[in-house]
Protein backbone atom coordinates (compact mmCIF):
# COMPACT_ATOMS: atom_id res chain seq x y z
CA MET A 1 116.89 111.91 89.11
CA THR A 2 118.46 108.81 87.79
CA LYS A 3 118.78 105.90 90.07
CA GLY A 4 120.73 102.75 89.81
CA ARG A 5 123.99 102.38 87.79
CA VAL A 6 124.23 101.45 84.19
CA THR A 7 127.04 99.44 82.60
CA GLU A 8 127.23 99.52 78.80
CA SER A 9 128.96 96.98 76.54
CA ASN A 10 129.06 97.38 72.74
CA GLY A 11 130.82 94.26 71.73
CA CYS A 12 130.41 93.40 68.12
CA SER A 13 126.71 94.22 68.02
CA PRO A 14 125.18 97.45 66.65
CA ARG A 15 123.10 97.49 69.80
CA ARG A 16 124.81 97.68 73.09
CA ARG A 17 124.15 95.55 76.09
CA ILE A 18 122.77 97.38 79.17
CA GLN A 19 123.22 96.21 82.77
CA TYR A 20 121.18 98.38 85.16
CA GLU A 21 121.98 97.75 88.87
CA ARG A 22 118.84 98.65 90.76
CA ASP A 23 118.68 100.58 94.11
CA ALA A 24 117.15 98.70 96.88
CA ASP A 25 114.27 101.24 97.08
CA GLU A 26 113.69 101.10 93.27
CA SER A 27 110.98 98.90 91.97
CA PRO A 28 111.79 96.34 89.24
CA SER A 29 109.29 97.94 86.91
CA ILE A 30 110.96 101.45 87.25
CA ALA A 31 114.41 99.90 86.81
CA ALA A 32 113.26 97.95 83.69
CA ALA A 33 111.87 101.12 82.16
CA MET A 34 115.03 102.93 82.88
CA ALA A 35 117.21 100.18 81.43
CA LEU A 36 115.04 100.02 78.25
CA ALA A 37 115.14 103.84 77.81
CA GLN A 38 119.01 103.62 78.07
CA TYR A 39 119.20 100.69 75.68
CA PHE A 40 117.12 102.47 72.94
CA GLY A 41 118.79 105.84 73.71
CA ASP A 42 115.45 107.39 74.79
CA ASP A 43 114.68 109.95 77.48
CA ILE A 44 112.79 108.11 80.13
CA THR A 45 110.10 110.86 80.17
CA ALA A 46 109.61 110.86 76.39
CA THR A 47 110.17 107.19 75.37
CA SER A 48 107.77 105.62 73.08
CA THR A 49 108.47 102.17 74.61
CA ARG A 50 105.80 101.56 77.30
CA LEU A 51 106.64 98.64 79.63
CA TYR A 52 102.99 97.83 80.21
CA ASP A 53 102.66 96.84 76.55
CA TYR A 54 104.98 93.98 77.10
CA ILE A 55 104.57 92.96 80.78
CA ASP A 56 102.38 93.88 83.76
CA PRO A 57 104.43 96.22 85.94
CA ASP A 58 102.54 95.52 89.12
CA ALA A 59 102.85 91.72 88.57
CA LEU A 60 106.61 92.25 88.04
CA ASP A 61 107.02 94.25 91.15
CA SER A 62 105.05 91.61 93.17
CA LEU A 63 107.39 88.82 91.96
CA PHE A 64 110.33 90.67 93.56
CA ALA A 65 108.62 92.18 96.54
CA ASP A 66 109.94 91.42 100.02
CA THR A 67 108.69 88.20 101.60
CA ASN A 68 106.02 88.22 104.37
CA ARG A 69 108.88 88.07 106.85
CA GLY A 70 110.38 91.23 105.40
CA LYS A 71 113.32 89.46 103.66
CA ARG A 72 114.46 90.44 100.24
CA ARG A 73 113.91 87.95 97.49
CA THR A 74 117.30 87.13 95.90
CA ALA A 75 116.46 84.23 93.57
CA GLY A 76 114.46 84.08 90.38
CA THR A 77 114.47 85.76 86.99
CA VAL A 78 111.87 87.09 84.56
CA GLU A 79 112.58 87.32 80.79
CA PHE A 80 110.63 89.05 78.09
CA GLU A 81 111.17 90.62 74.63
CA VAL A 82 110.69 94.27 73.69
CA ASP A 83 111.09 94.75 69.91
CA ASP A 84 114.66 93.46 69.27
CA ALA A 85 115.73 93.43 72.90
CA LEU A 86 115.76 90.64 75.46
CA VAL A 87 115.14 91.95 78.95
CA THR A 88 116.19 89.86 81.95
CA ILE A 89 114.99 90.92 85.41
CA ARG A 90 116.79 89.78 88.51
CA SER A 91 116.36 90.93 92.08
CA ASP A 92 119.34 93.21 91.97
CA ARG A 93 119.72 94.21 88.29
CA ILE A 94 118.18 94.43 84.86
CA ASP A 95 119.96 93.15 81.63
CA VAL A 96 119.03 94.24 78.21
CA ARG A 97 120.68 92.81 75.15
CA PRO A 98 119.86 92.21 71.47
CA THR A 99 117.78 89.26 70.69
CA ARG A 100 119.79 88.72 67.39
């Protein structure tokens, strides 16, 4: 089952931009994997892009985990590159766009 909501924008680039809005109960690492699969046009279960080759999924999830007081973290971003894509993780969404 697909979670989140994907918004695509082609613009002038041969690669499209993906904005994946993450559900509150969906981890940032799963949302990032879903957004990357969408960006590369892959099936999430058969994609050759493995997130852990680029970033530690557990560390990513920890950065955006609820605080000790149970409040959601709303500030902060994490950026990394996967092949020709720049991935930006925010508390509520994942953006994937071409690096060039």
